[in-house]
Amino acid sequence: LLLPLALTACGEGSSIDESLKTTVRQQLVATCTASAESQIPEGVTVDLDKLCACAADKVLEGKSAKDLISNPPTSAEDLNKVQECAKEIGPVKINPAG
Protein backbone atom coordinates (compact mmCIF):
# COMPACT_ATOMS: atom_id res chain seq x y z
CA LEU A 1 0.00 0.00 0.00
CA LEU A 2 2.86 2.41 0.72
CA LEU A 3 4.83 1.52 -2.41
CA PRO A 4 2.58 3.42 -4.87
CA LEU A 5 2.78 6.48 -2.62
CA ALA A 6 6.55 6.25 -2.43
CA LEU A 7 6.84 5.93 -6.22
CA THR A 8 4.50 8.87 -6.75
CA ALA A 9 6.83 11.01 -4.63
CA CYS A 10 9.60 10.37 -7.16
CA GLY A 11 7.60 11.29 -10.26
CA GLU A 12 7.76 14.29 -12.55
CA GLY A 13 7.17 17.52 -10.64
CA SER A 14 7.91 15.97 -7.26
CA SER A 15 10.21 17.63 -4.75
CA ILE A 16 12.88 15.01 -5.50
CA ASP A 17 12.59 15.79 -9.23
CA GLU A 18 12.87 19.54 -8.63
CA SER A 19 15.75 19.05 -6.19
CA LEU A 20 17.69 17.03 -8.75
CA LYS A 21 17.06 19.63 -11.46
CA THR A 22 18.20 22.41 -9.10
CA THR A 23 21.38 20.50 -8.28
CA VAL A 24 22.13 19.78 -11.95
CA ARG A 25 21.50 23.45 -12.82
CA GLN A 26 23.90 24.62 -10.10
CA GLN A 27 26.56 22.21 -11.37
CA LEU A 28 26.06 23.35 -14.97
CA VAL A 29 26.38 27.03 -13.99
CA ALA A 30 29.49 26.38 -11.87
CA THR A 31 31.18 24.31 -14.58
CA CYS A 32 30.31 26.80 -17.29
CA THR A 33 31.57 29.76 -15.27
CA ALA A 34 34.83 28.04 -14.32
CA SER A 35 35.48 26.94 -17.91
CA ALA A 36 34.61 30.29 -19.45
CA GLU A 37 36.70 32.39 -17.05
CA SER A 38 39.95 31.01 -18.43
CA GLN A 39 38.86 31.56 -22.05
CA ILE A 40 37.89 35.24 -21.92
CA PRO A 41 40.64 37.54 -23.20
CA GLU A 42 41.95 40.27 -20.92
CA GLY A 43 39.98 43.49 -21.28
CA VAL A 44 36.76 41.74 -22.30
CA THR A 45 33.85 41.83 -19.85
CA VAL A 46 31.15 39.16 -19.95
CA ASP A 47 28.46 38.59 -17.33
CA LEU A 48 29.31 34.91 -16.88
CA ASP A 49 26.70 34.33 -14.20
CA LYS A 50 23.95 35.58 -16.51
CA LEU A 51 25.35 33.79 -19.54
CA CYS A 52 25.84 30.46 -17.78
CA ALA A 53 22.49 30.62 -15.98
CA CYS A 54 20.81 31.21 -19.35
CA ALA A 55 22.66 28.25 -20.89
CA ALA A 56 21.83 25.97 -17.94
CA ASP A 57 18.15 26.88 -18.20
CA LYS A 58 18.19 26.09 -21.93
CA VAL A 59 19.93 22.74 -21.36
CA LEU A 60 17.35 21.76 -18.72
CA GLU A 61 14.34 23.09 -20.61
CA GLY A 62 11.68 20.42 -21.02
CA LYS A 63 13.75 17.70 -19.34
CA SER A 64 12.62 15.64 -16.37
CA ALA A 65 14.90 14.24 -13.68
CA LYS A 66 14.54 10.87 -15.41
CA ASP A 67 15.76 12.42 -18.69
CA LEU A 68 18.75 13.98 -16.94
CA ILE A 69 19.71 10.70 -15.27
CA SER A 70 19.35 8.57 -18.40
CA ASN A 71 20.84 11.16 -20.77
CA PRO A 72 23.01 13.73 -18.94
CA PRO A 73 23.85 16.99 -20.71
CA THR A 74 27.01 16.88 -22.83
CA SER A 75 29.70 19.50 -23.27
CA ALA A 76 28.71 20.01 -26.92
CA GLU A 77 25.09 20.60 -25.90
CA ASP A 78 26.23 23.05 -23.21
CA LEU A 79 28.42 24.93 -25.70
CA ASN A 80 25.58 25.29 -28.18
CA LYS A 81 23.37 26.75 -25.44
CA VAL A 82 26.11 29.15 -24.30
CA GLN A 83 26.44 30.40 -27.88
CA GLU A 84 22.65 30.87 -28.15
CA CYS A 85 22.62 32.84 -24.89
CA ALA A 86 25.58 34.97 -25.92
CA LYS A 87 23.58 36.06 -28.99
CA GLU A 88 20.51 36.80 -26.84
CA ILE A 89 22.36 38.68 -24.11
CA GLY A 90 24.15 40.86 -26.61
CA PRO A 91 27.69 41.96 -27.34
CA VAL A 92 30.45 41.68 -24.80
CA LYS A 93 32.01 44.81 -23.37
CA ILE A 94 35.58 45.53 -24.35
CA ASN A 95 37.58 47.69 -21.98
CA PRO A 96 40.50 49.48 -23.62
CA ALA A 97 43.79 48.41 -22.08
CA GLY A 98 45.50 51.19 -20.38
C-alpha atoms as a PDB file:
ATOM      1  CA  LEU A   1       0.000   0.000   0.000  1.00  0.00           C
ATOM      2  CA  LEU A   2       2.861   2.414   0.723  1.00  0.00           C
ATOM      3  CA  LEU A   3       4.830   1.522  -2.412  1.00  0.00           C
ATOM      4  CA  PRO A   4       2.583   3.418  -4.875  1.00  0.00           C
ATOM      5  CA  LEU A   5       2.778   6.483  -2.621  1.00  0.00           C
ATOM      6  CA  ALA A   6       6.553   6.250  -2.433  1.00  0.00           C
ATOM      7  CA  LEU A   7       6.842   5.933  -6.216  1.00  0.00           C
ATOM      8  CA  THR A   8       4.498   8.867  -6.745  1.00  0.00           C
ATOM      9  CA  ALA A   9       6.827  11.013  -4.631  1.00  0.00           C
ATOM     10  CA  CYS A  10       9.603  10.373  -7.157  1.00  0.00           C
ATOM     11  CA  GLY A  11       7.595  11.291 -10.256  1.00  0.00           C
ATOM     12  CA  GLU A  12       7.759  14.294 -12.554  1.00  0.00           C
ATOM     13  CA  GLY A  13       7.171  17.519 -10.640  1.00  0.00           C
ATOM     14  CA  SER A  14       7.907  15.968  -7.260  1.00  0.00           C
ATOM     15  CA  SER A  15      10.207  17.629  -4.748  1.00  0.00           C
ATOM     16  CA  ILE A  16      12.878  15.013  -5.501  1.00  0.00           C
ATOM     17  CA  ASP A  17      12.588  15.787  -9.230  1.00  0.00           C
ATOM     18  CA  GLU A  18      12.872  19.539  -8.626  1.00  0.00           C
ATOM     19  CA  SER A  19      15.746  19.048  -6.186  1.00  0.00           C
ATOM     20  CA  LEU A  20      17.694  17.028  -8.750  1.00  0.00           C
ATOM     21  CA  LYS A  21      17.061  19.633 -11.456  1.00  0.00           C
ATOM     22  CA  THR A  22      18.203  22.410  -9.097  1.00  0.00           C
ATOM     23  CA  THR A  23      21.384  20.496  -8.277  1.00  0.00           C
ATOM     24  CA  VAL A  24      22.130  19.779 -11.950  1.00  0.00           C
ATOM     25  CA  ARG A  25      21.501  23.451 -12.816  1.00  0.00           C
ATOM     26  CA  GLN A  26      23.898  24.618 -10.100  1.00  0.00           C
ATOM     27  CA  GLN A  27      26.558  22.212 -11.370  1.00  0.00           C
ATOM     28  CA  LEU A  28      26.063  23.351 -14.971  1.00  0.00           C
ATOM     29  CA  VAL A  29      26.385  27.029 -13.993  1.00  0.00           C
ATOM     30  CA  ALA A  30      29.488  26.380 -11.866  1.00  0.00           C
ATOM     31  CA  THR A  31      31.180  24.308 -14.577  1.00  0.00           C
ATOM     32  CA  CYS A  32      30.308  26.799 -17.292  1.00  0.00           C
ATOM     33  CA  THR A  33      31.566  29.761 -15.270  1.00  0.00           C
ATOM     34  CA  ALA A  34      34.830  28.045 -14.323  1.00  0.00           C
ATOM     35  CA  SER A  35      35.476  26.941 -17.910  1.00  0.00           C
ATOM     36  CA  ALA A  36      34.612  30.294 -19.449  1.00  0.00           C
ATOM     37  CA  GLU A  37      36.704  32.387 -17.046  1.00  0.00           C
ATOM     38  CA  SER A  38      39.946  31.012 -18.428  1.00  0.00           C
ATOM     39  CA  GLN A  39      38.861  31.561 -22.048  1.00  0.00           C
ATOM     40  CA  ILE A  40      37.889  35.237 -21.923  1.00  0.00           C
ATOM     41  CA  PRO A  41      40.641  37.535 -23.201  1.00  0.00           C
ATOM     42  CA  GLU A  42      41.948  40.271 -20.925  1.00  0.00           C
ATOM     43  CA  GLY A  43      39.975  43.492 -21.275  1.00  0.00           C
ATOM     44  CA  VAL A  44      36.758  41.741 -22.296  1.00  0.00           C
ATOM     45  CA  THR A  45      33.849  41.830 -19.851  1.00  0.00           C
ATOM     46  CA  VAL A  46      31.147  39.164 -19.949  1.00  0.00           C
ATOM     47  CA  ASP A  47      28.456  38.587 -17.325  1.00  0.00           C
ATOM     48  CA  LEU A  48      29.313  34.910 -16.882  1.00  0.00           C
ATOM     49  CA  ASP A  49      26.698  34.328 -14.196  1.00  0.00           C
ATOM     50  CA  LYS A  50      23.951  35.575 -16.505  1.00  0.00           C
ATOM     51  CA  LEU A  51      25.355  33.790 -19.544  1.00  0.00           C
ATOM     52  CA  CYS A  52      25.845  30.456 -17.780  1.00  0.00           C
ATOM     53  CA  ALA A  53      22.488  30.622 -15.978  1.00  0.00           C
ATOM     54  CA  CYS A  54      20.806  31.205 -19.345  1.00  0.00           C
ATOM     55  CA  ALA A  55      22.663  28.249 -20.887  1.00  0.00           C
ATOM     56  CA  ALA A  56      21.828  25.968 -17.944  1.00  0.00           C
ATOM     57  CA  ASP A  57      18.149  26.880 -18.204  1.00  0.00           C
ATOM     58  CA  LYS A  58      18.190  26.085 -21.934  1.00  0.00           C
ATOM     59  CA  VAL A  59      19.933  22.739 -21.357  1.00  0.00           C
ATOM     60  CA  LEU A  60      17.352  21.764 -18.715  1.00  0.00           C
ATOM     61  CA  GLU A  61      14.338  23.095 -20.613  1.00  0.00           C
ATOM     62  CA  GLY A  62      11.682  20.416 -21.018  1.00  0.00           C
ATOM     63  CA  LYS A  63      13.752  17.700 -19.340  1.00  0.00           C
ATOM     64  CA  SER A  64      12.623  15.644 -16.372  1.00  0.00           C
ATOM     65  CA  ALA A  65      14.903  14.245 -13.684  1.00  0.00           C
ATOM     66  CA  LYS A  66      14.543  10.869 -15.406  1.00  0.00           C
ATOM     67  CA  ASP A  67      15.761  12.423 -18.691  1.00  0.00           C
ATOM     68  CA  LEU A  68      18.751  13.975 -16.941  1.00  0.00           C
ATOM     69  CA  ILE A  69      19.714  10.699 -15.274  1.00  0.00           C
ATOM     70  CA  SER A  70      19.352   8.574 -18.404  1.00  0.00           C
ATOM     71  CA  ASN A  71      20.839  11.161 -20.773  1.00  0.00           C
ATOM     72  CA  PRO A  72      23.007  13.728 -18.937  1.00  0.00           C
ATOM     73  CA  PRO A  73      23.849  16.992 -20.715  1.00  0.00           C
ATOM     74  CA  THR A  74      27.011  16.875 -22.835  1.00  0.00           C
ATOM     75  CA  SER A  75      29.699  19.502 -23.273  1.00  0.00           C
ATOM     76  CA  ALA A  76      28.714  20.008 -26.920  1.00  0.00           C
ATOM     77  CA  GLU A  77      25.091  20.596 -25.897  1.00  0.00           C
ATOM     78  CA  ASP A  78      26.235  23.054 -23.215  1.00  0.00           C
ATOM     79  CA  LEU A  79      28.425  24.930 -25.696  1.00  0.00           C
ATOM     80  CA  ASN A  80      25.576  25.292 -28.181  1.00  0.00           C
ATOM     81  CA  LYS A  81      23.371  26.754 -25.443  1.00  0.00           C
ATOM     82  CA  VAL A  82      26.112  29.152 -24.301  1.00  0.00           C
ATOM     83  CA  GLN A  83      26.437  30.401 -27.884  1.00  0.00           C
ATOM     84  CA  GLU A  84      22.651  30.875 -28.145  1.00  0.00           C
ATOM     85  CA  CYS A  85      22.616  32.835 -24.888  1.00  0.00           C
ATOM     86  CA  ALA A  86      25.577  34.971 -25.920  1.00  0.00           C
ATOM     87  CA  LYS A  87      23.580  36.063 -28.985  1.00  0.00           C
ATOM     88  CA  GLU A  88      20.513  36.802 -26.836  1.00  0.00           C
ATOM     89  CA  ILE A  89      22.363  38.680 -24.110  1.00  0.00           C
ATOM     90  CA  GLY A  90      24.155  40.856 -26.609  1.00  0.00           C
ATOM     91  CA  PRO A  91      27.689  41.963 -27.340  1.00  0.00           C
ATOM     92  CA  VAL A  92      30.450  41.684 -24.801  1.00  0.00           C
ATOM     93  CA  LYS A  93      32.009  44.813 -23.372  1.00  0.00           C
ATOM     94  CA  ILE A  94      35.582  45.531 -24.354  1.00  0.00           C
ATOM     95  CA  ASN A  95      37.583  47.687 -21.980  1.00  0.00           C
ATOM     96  CA  PRO A  96      40.498  49.476 -23.621  1.00  0.00           C
ATOM     97  CA  ALA A  97      43.791  48.414 -22.084  1.00  0.00           C
ATOM     98  CA  GLY A  98      45.505  51.187 -20.377  1.00  0.00           C
END
